[in-house]
Structures are given as C-alpha cells and as structure tokens.
Amino acid sequence: HNPSRPWWERYQPISYKLCTRSGN
C-alpha cells in the first residue's frame, strides 16, 4: 500500500496459489 499497489508487487511471492489482482 505504500506506494499504492505498485506493478512490482507481482514479483514478490507469498505462495504458489493462483490468485492475484488479475483474478483467481
């Protein structure tokens, strides 16, 4: 959130579940 939802958050994995801001 700081900065607000940068594009590069997609390159910081938490798990291998398939769910992102693009969909589930």
PDB file of all heavy atoms in Angstrom:
ATOM      1  N   HIS A   1       0.804  -1.221   0.000  1.00  0.00           N
ATOM      2  CA  HIS A   1       0.000   0.000   0.000  1.00  0.00           C
ATOM      3  C   HIS A   1       0.836   1.269   0.000  1.00  0.00           C
ATOM      4  O   HIS A   1       0.291   2.362  -0.151  1.00  0.00           O
ATOM      5  CB  HIS A   1      -0.946   0.002   1.200  1.00  0.00           C
ATOM      6  CG  HIS A   1      -1.993  -1.072   1.122  1.00  0.00           C
ATOM      7  ND1 HIS A   1      -2.989  -1.056   0.165  1.00  0.00           N
ATOM      8  CD2 HIS A   1      -2.179  -2.214   1.845  1.00  0.00           C
ATOM      9  CE1 HIS A   1      -3.764  -2.124   0.318  1.00  0.00           C
ATOM     10  NE2 HIS A   1      -3.292  -2.841   1.324  1.00  0.00           N
ATOM     11  N   ASN A   2       2.137   1.156   0.193  1.00  0.00           N
ATOM     12  CA  ASN A   2       2.990   2.345   0.200  1.00  0.00           C
ATOM     13  C   ASN A   2       4.239   2.066  -0.628  1.00  0.00           C
ATOM     14  O   ASN A   2       5.178   1.451  -0.135  1.00  0.00           O
ATOM     15  CB  ASN A   2       3.388   2.714   1.634  1.00  0.00           C
ATOM     16  CG  ASN A   2       4.164   4.018   1.679  1.00  0.00           C
ATOM     17  OD1 ASN A   2       4.062   4.837   0.784  1.00  0.00           O
ATOM     18  ND2 ASN A   2       4.962   4.199   2.733  1.00  0.00           N
ATOM     19  N   PRO A   3       4.306   2.445  -1.910  1.00  0.00           N
ATOM     20  CA  PRO A   3       3.263   3.169  -2.637  1.00  0.00           C
ATOM     21  C   PRO A   3       2.054   2.271  -2.931  1.00  0.00           C
ATOM     22  O   PRO A   3       2.122   1.062  -2.714  1.00  0.00           O
ATOM     23  CB  PRO A   3       3.962   3.581  -3.928  1.00  0.00           C
ATOM     24  CG  PRO A   3       5.013   2.534  -4.130  1.00  0.00           C
ATOM     25  CD  PRO A   3       5.486   2.158  -2.762  1.00  0.00           C
ATOM     26  N   SER A   4       1.000   2.859  -3.436  1.00  0.00           N
ATOM     27  CA  SER A   4      -0.256   2.157  -3.594  1.00  0.00           C
ATOM     28  C   SER A   4      -0.228   1.164  -4.753  1.00  0.00           C
ATOM     29  O   SER A   4      -0.230   1.557  -5.910  1.00  0.00           O
ATOM     30  CB  SER A   4      -1.396   3.160  -3.811  1.00  0.00           C
ATOM     31  OG  SER A   4      -2.619   2.488  -3.988  1.00  0.00           O
ATOM     32  N   ARG A   5      -0.167  -0.127  -4.429  1.00  0.00           N
ATOM     33  CA  ARG A   5      -0.253  -1.234  -5.393  1.00  0.00           C
ATOM     34  C   ARG A   5       0.677  -1.040  -6.592  1.00  0.00           C
ATOM     35  O   ARG A   5       0.235  -0.931  -7.737  1.00  0.00           O
ATOM     36  CB  ARG A   5      -1.683  -1.456  -5.870  1.00  0.00           C
ATOM     37  CG  ARG A   5      -2.728  -1.683  -4.804  1.00  0.00           C
ATOM     38  CD  ARG A   5      -2.446  -2.871  -3.888  1.00  0.00           C
ATOM     39  NE  ARG A   5      -2.334  -4.152  -4.549  1.00  0.00           N
ATOM     40  CZ  ARG A   5      -3.357  -4.989  -4.759  1.00  0.00           C
ATOM     41  NH1 ARG A   5      -4.564  -4.658  -4.371  1.00  0.00           N
ATOM     42  NH2 ARG A   5      -3.156  -6.168  -5.325  1.00  0.00           N
ATOM     43  N   PRO A   6       1.995  -0.988  -6.372  1.00  0.00           N
ATOM     44  CA  PRO A   6       2.926  -0.857  -7.495  1.00  0.00           C
ATOM     45  C   PRO A   6       2.913  -2.105  -8.371  1.00  0.00           C
ATOM     46  O   PRO A   6       2.573  -3.203  -7.904  1.00  0.00           O
ATOM     47  CB  PRO A   6       4.281  -0.696  -6.807  1.00  0.00           C
ATOM     48  CG  PRO A   6       4.119  -1.437  -5.512  1.00  0.00           C
ATOM     49  CD  PRO A   6       2.688  -1.181  -5.094  1.00  0.00           C
ATOM     50  N   TRP A   7       3.299  -1.950  -9.637  1.00  0.00           N
ATOM     51  CA  TRP A   7       3.318  -3.099 -10.554  1.00  0.00           C
ATOM     52  C   TRP A   7       4.245  -4.191 -10.029  1.00  0.00           C
ATOM     53  O   TRP A   7       3.995  -5.392 -10.234  1.00  0.00           O
ATOM     54  CB  TRP A   7       3.732  -2.678 -11.961  1.00  0.00           C
ATOM     55  CG  TRP A   7       5.132  -2.144 -12.084  1.00  0.00           C
ATOM     56  CD1 TRP A   7       5.511  -0.830 -12.019  1.00  0.00           C
ATOM     57  CD2 TRP A   7       6.335  -2.897 -12.288  1.00  0.00           C
ATOM     58  NE1 TRP A   7       6.883  -0.718 -12.155  1.00  0.00           N
ATOM     59  CE2 TRP A   7       7.406  -1.974 -12.335  1.00  0.00           C
ATOM     60  CE3 TRP A   7       6.615  -4.251 -12.437  1.00  0.00           C
ATOM     61  CZ2 TRP A   7       8.732  -2.363 -12.516  1.00  0.00           C
ATOM     62  CZ3 TRP A   7       7.940  -4.648 -12.625  1.00  0.00           C
ATOM     63  CH2 TRP A   7       8.976  -3.697 -12.660  1.00  0.00           C
ATOM     64  N   TRP A   8       5.320  -3.808  -9.320  1.00  0.00           N
ATOM     65  CA  TRP A   8       6.313  -4.799  -8.932  1.00  0.00           C
ATOM     66  C   TRP A   8       5.909  -5.642  -7.733  1.00  0.00           C
ATOM     67  O   TRP A   8       6.644  -6.573  -7.370  1.00  0.00           O
ATOM     68  CB  TRP A   8       7.677  -4.157  -8.685  1.00  0.00           C
ATOM     69  CG  TRP A   8       7.698  -2.853  -7.948  1.00  0.00           C
ATOM     70  CD1 TRP A   8       7.802  -1.603  -8.489  1.00  0.00           C
ATOM     71  CD2 TRP A   8       7.637  -2.664  -6.525  1.00  0.00           C
ATOM     72  NE1 TRP A   8       7.821  -0.648  -7.496  1.00  0.00           N
ATOM     73  CE2 TRP A   8       7.720  -1.270  -6.279  1.00  0.00           C
ATOM     74  CE3 TRP A   8       7.534  -3.538  -5.430  1.00  0.00           C
ATOM     75  CZ2 TRP A   8       7.685  -0.730  -4.996  1.00  0.00           C
ATOM     76  CZ3 TRP A   8       7.506  -3.017  -4.153  1.00  0.00           C
ATOM     77  CH2 TRP A   8       7.583  -1.620  -3.939  1.00  0.00           C
ATOM     78  N   GLU A   9       4.743  -5.382  -7.135  1.00  0.00           N
ATOM     79  CA  GLU A   9       4.310  -6.299  -6.065  1.00  0.00           C
ATOM     80  C   GLU A   9       4.070  -7.697  -6.626  1.00  0.00           C
ATOM     81  O   GLU A   9       4.178  -8.683  -5.888  1.00  0.00           O
ATOM     82  CB  GLU A   9       3.067  -5.775  -5.338  1.00  0.00           C
ATOM     83  CG  GLU A   9       1.774  -5.864  -6.117  1.00  0.00           C
ATOM     84  CD  GLU A   9       0.540  -5.540  -5.256  1.00  0.00           C
ATOM     85  OE1 GLU A   9       0.621  -4.639  -4.406  1.00  0.00           O
ATOM     86  OE2 GLU A   9      -0.495  -6.199  -5.466  1.00  0.00           O
ATOM     87  N   ARG A  10       3.756  -7.781  -7.924  1.00  0.00           N
ATOM     88  CA  ARG A  10       3.535  -9.094  -8.558  1.00  0.00           C
ATOM     89  C   ARG A  10       4.793  -9.960  -8.529  1.00  0.00           C
ATOM     90  O   ARG A  10       4.724 -11.181  -8.745  1.00  0.00           O
ATOM     91  CB  ARG A  10       3.070  -8.917 -10.006  1.00  0.00           C
ATOM     92  CG  ARG A  10       1.719  -8.232 -10.186  1.00  0.00           C
ATOM     93  CD  ARG A  10       0.549  -9.115  -9.783  1.00  0.00           C
ATOM     94  NE  ARG A  10       0.252 -10.180 -10.717  1.00  0.00           N
ATOM     95  CZ  ARG A  10      -0.685 -10.119 -11.660  1.00  0.00           C
ATOM     96  NH1 ARG A  10      -1.406  -9.015 -11.811  1.00  0.00           N
ATOM     97  NH2 ARG A  10      -0.925 -11.153 -12.446  1.00  0.00           N
ATOM     98  N   TYR A  11       5.950  -9.332  -8.316  1.00  0.00           N
ATOM     99  CA  TYR A  11       7.224 -10.060  -8.308  1.00  0.00           C
ATOM    100  C   TYR A  11       7.701 -10.346  -6.884  1.00  0.00           C
ATOM    101  O   TYR A  11       8.873 -10.649  -6.670  1.00  0.00           O
ATOM    102  CB  TYR A  11       8.268  -9.275  -9.117  1.00  0.00           C
ATOM    103  CG  TYR A  11       7.910  -9.294 -10.586  1.00  0.00           C
ATOM    104  CD1 TYR A  11       7.001  -8.377 -11.113  1.00  0.00           C
ATOM    105  CD2 TYR A  11       8.400 -10.281 -11.433  1.00  0.00           C
ATOM    106  CE1 TYR A  11       6.613  -8.432 -12.441  1.00  0.00           C
ATOM    107  CE2 TYR A  11       8.033 -10.340 -12.757  1.00  0.00           C
ATOM    108  CZ  TYR A  11       7.131  -9.420 -13.256  1.00  0.00           C
ATOM    109  OH  TYR A  11       6.750  -9.484 -14.579  1.00  0.00           O
ATOM    110  N   GLN A  12       6.764 -10.309  -5.913  1.00  0.00           N
ATOM    111  CA  GLN A  12       7.077 -10.631  -4.522  1.00  0.00           C
ATOM    112  C   GLN A  12       6.116 -11.719  -4.034  1.00  0.00           C
ATOM    113  O   GLN A  12       5.084 -11.437  -3.416  1.00  0.00           O
ATOM    114  CB  GLN A  12       6.979  -9.376  -3.650  1.00  0.00           C
ATOM    115  CG  GLN A  12       7.956  -8.288  -4.075  1.00  0.00           C
ATOM    116  CD  GLN A  12       8.396  -7.407  -2.928  1.00  0.00           C
ATOM    117  OE1 GLN A  12       8.351  -7.791  -1.757  1.00  0.00           O
ATOM    118  NE2 GLN A  12       8.847  -6.211  -3.249  1.00  0.00           N
ATOM    119  N   PRO A  13       6.437 -12.984  -4.315  1.00  0.00           N
ATOM    120  CA  PRO A  13       5.522 -14.084  -3.999  1.00  0.00           C
ATOM    121  C   PRO A  13       5.323 -14.302  -2.500  1.00  0.00           C
ATOM    122  O   PRO A  13       6.229 -14.074  -1.691  1.00  0.00           O
ATOM    123  CB  PRO A  13       6.208 -15.309  -4.618  1.00  0.00           C
ATOM    124  CG  PRO A  13       7.165 -14.757  -5.633  1.00  0.00           C
ATOM    125  CD  PRO A  13       7.609 -13.453  -5.080  1.00  0.00           C
ATOM    126  N   ILE A  14       4.125 -14.761  -2.171  1.00  0.00           N
ATOM    127  CA  ILE A  14       3.789 -15.222  -0.820  1.00  0.00           C
ATOM    128  C   ILE A  14       3.519 -16.722  -0.834  1.00  0.00           C
ATOM    129  O   ILE A  14       3.832 -17.440   0.108  1.00  0.00           O
ATOM    130  CB  ILE A  14       2.554 -14.463  -0.273  1.00  0.00           C
ATOM    131  CG1 ILE A  14       2.901 -12.981  -0.087  1.00  0.00           C
ATOM    132  CG2 ILE A  14       2.043 -15.085   1.021  1.00  0.00           C
ATOM    133  CD1 ILE A  14       4.010 -12.706   0.910  1.00  0.00           C
ATOM    134  N   SER A  15       2.916 -17.202  -1.924  1.00  0.00           N
ATOM    135  CA  SER A  15       2.683 -18.640  -2.079  1.00  0.00           C
ATOM    136  C   SER A  15       2.554 -18.940  -3.565  1.00  0.00           C
ATOM    137  O   SER A  15       2.702 -18.046  -4.398  1.00  0.00           O
ATOM    138  CB  SER A  15       1.396 -19.060  -1.351  1.00  0.00           C
ATOM    139  OG  SER A  15       0.252 -18.715  -2.128  1.00  0.00           O
ATOM    140  N   TYR A  16       2.270 -20.189  -3.890  1.00  0.00           N
ATOM    141  CA  TYR A  16       2.052 -20.597  -5.280  1.00  0.00           C
ATOM    142  C   TYR A  16       0.578 -20.820  -5.584  1.00  0.00           C
ATOM    143  O   TYR A  16       0.220 -21.433  -6.601  1.00  0.00           O
ATOM    144  CB  TYR A  16       2.882 -21.834  -5.598  1.00  0.00           C
ATOM    145  CG  TYR A  16       4.380 -21.595  -5.432  1.00  0.00           C
ATOM    146  CD1 TYR A  16       5.174 -22.485  -4.729  1.00  0.00           C
ATOM    147  CD2 TYR A  16       4.977 -20.456  -5.963  1.00  0.00           C
ATOM    148  CE1 TYR A  16       6.533 -22.263  -4.566  1.00  0.00           C
ATOM    149  CE2 TYR A  16       6.339 -20.213  -5.805  1.00  0.00           C
ATOM    150  CZ  TYR A  16       7.108 -21.120  -5.106  1.00  0.00           C
ATOM    151  OH  TYR A  16       8.458 -20.876  -4.948  1.00  0.00           O
ATOM    152  N   LYS A  17      -0.292 -20.315  -4.715  1.00  0.00           N
ATOM    153  CA  LYS A  17      -1.724 -20.315  -5.024  1.00  0.00           C
ATOM    154  C   LYS A  17      -1.979 -19.370  -6.197  1.00  0.00           C
ATOM    155  O   LYS A  17      -1.327 -18.328  -6.318  1.00  0.00           O
ATOM    156  CB  LYS A  17      -2.527 -19.839  -3.816  1.00  0.00           C
ATOM    157  CG  LYS A  17      -2.459 -20.737  -2.593  1.00  0.00           C
ATOM    158  CD  LYS A  17      -3.255 -20.104  -1.449  1.00  0.00           C
ATOM    159  CE  LYS A  17      -3.187 -20.937  -0.190  1.00  0.00           C
ATOM    160  NZ  LYS A  17      -3.919 -20.278   0.936  1.00  0.00           N
ATOM    161  N   LEU A  18      -2.950 -19.706  -7.026  1.00  0.00           N
ATOM    162  CA  LEU A  18      -3.246 -18.882  -8.199  1.00  0.00           C
ATOM    163  C   LEU A  18      -4.341 -17.879  -7.855  1.00  0.00           C
ATOM    164  O   LEU A  18      -5.528 -18.140  -8.051  1.00  0.00           O
ATOM    165  CB  LEU A  18      -3.650 -19.762  -9.378  1.00  0.00           C
ATOM    166  CG  LEU A  18      -2.611 -20.794  -9.816  1.00  0.00           C
ATOM    167  CD1 LEU A  18      -3.103 -21.574 -11.021  1.00  0.00           C
ATOM    168  CD2 LEU A  18      -1.276 -20.132 -10.133  1.00  0.00           C
ATOM    169  N   CYS A  19      -3.943 -16.735  -7.314  1.00  0.00           N
ATOM    170  CA  CYS A  19      -4.894 -15.651  -7.093  1.00  0.00           C
ATOM    171  C   CYS A  19      -4.112 -14.350  -6.938  1.00  0.00           C
ATOM    172  O   CYS A  19      -3.245 -14.238  -6.079  1.00  0.00           O
ATOM    173  CB  CYS A  19      -5.807 -15.906  -5.904  1.00  0.00           C
ATOM    174  SG  CYS A  19      -4.982 -16.203  -4.341  1.00  0.00           S
ATOM    175  N   THR A  20      -4.434 -13.403  -7.822  1.00  0.00           N
ATOM    176  CA  THR A  20      -3.796 -12.094  -7.833  1.00  0.00           C
ATOM    177  C   THR A  20      -4.877 -11.062  -8.099  1.00  0.00           C
ATOM    178  O   THR A  20      -6.068 -11.403  -8.225  1.00  0.00           O
ATOM    179  CB  THR A  20      -2.743 -11.991  -8.945  1.00  0.00           C
ATOM    180  OG1 THR A  20      -3.420 -12.048 -10.217  1.00  0.00           O
ATOM    181  CG2 THR A  20      -1.726 -13.125  -8.868  1.00  0.00           C
ATOM    182  N   ARG A  21      -4.466  -9.808  -8.248  1.00  0.00           N
ATOM    183  CA  ARG A  21      -5.448  -8.778  -8.586  1.00  0.00           C
ATOM    184  C   ARG A  21      -6.028  -8.992  -9.985  1.00  0.00           C
ATOM    185  O   ARG A  21      -7.015  -8.361 -10.359  1.00  0.00           O
ATOM    186  CB  ARG A  21      -4.830  -7.389  -8.445  1.00  0.00           C
ATOM    187  CG  ARG A  21      -3.709  -7.091  -9.396  1.00  0.00           C
ATOM    188  CD  ARG A  21      -2.955  -5.821  -9.036  1.00  0.00           C
ATOM    189  NE  ARG A  21      -3.821  -4.654  -8.949  1.00  0.00           N
ATOM    190  CZ  ARG A  21      -3.382  -3.409  -8.797  1.00  0.00           C
ATOM    191  NH1 ARG A  21      -2.086  -3.164  -8.735  1.00  0.00           N
ATOM    192  NH2 ARG A  21      -4.220  -2.395  -8.733  1.00  0.00           N
ATOM    193  N   SER A  22      -5.410  -9.894 -10.773  1.00  0.00           N
ATOM    194  CA  SER A  22      -5.946 -10.204 -12.104  1.00  0.00           C
ATOM    195  C   SER A  22      -7.062 -11.236 -12.062  1.00  0.00           C
ATOM    196  O   SER A  22      -7.804 -11.386 -13.034  1.00  0.00           O
ATOM    197  CB  SER A  22      -4.833 -10.729 -13.025  1.00  0.00           C
ATOM    198  OG  SER A  22      -3.867  -9.731 -13.257  1.00  0.00           O
ATOM    199  N   GLY A  23      -7.170 -11.985 -10.944  1.00  0.00           N
ATOM    200  CA  GLY A  23      -8.224 -12.989 -10.859  1.00  0.00           C
ATOM    201  C   GLY A  23      -7.804 -14.198 -10.044  1.00  0.00           C
ATOM    202  O   GLY A  23      -6.663 -14.295  -9.574  1.00  0.00           O
ATOM    203  N   ASN A  24      -8.743 -15.150  -9.892  1.00  0.00           N
ATOM    204  CA  ASN A  24      -8.481 -16.347  -9.098  1.00  0.00           C
ATOM    205  C   ASN A  24      -8.171 -17.541 -10.011  1.00  0.00           C
ATOM    206  O   ASN A  24      -8.123 -17.404 -11.239  1.00  0.00           O
ATOM    207  CB  ASN A  24      -9.662 -16.647  -8.178  1.00  0.00           C
ATOM    208  CG  ASN A  24     -10.965 -16.854  -8.951  1.00  0.00           C
ATOM    209  OD1 ASN A  24     -10.969 -17.324 -10.089  1.00  0.00           O
ATOM    210  ND2 ASN A  24     -12.091 -16.512  -8.316  1.00  0.00           N
TER     211      ASN A  24
END
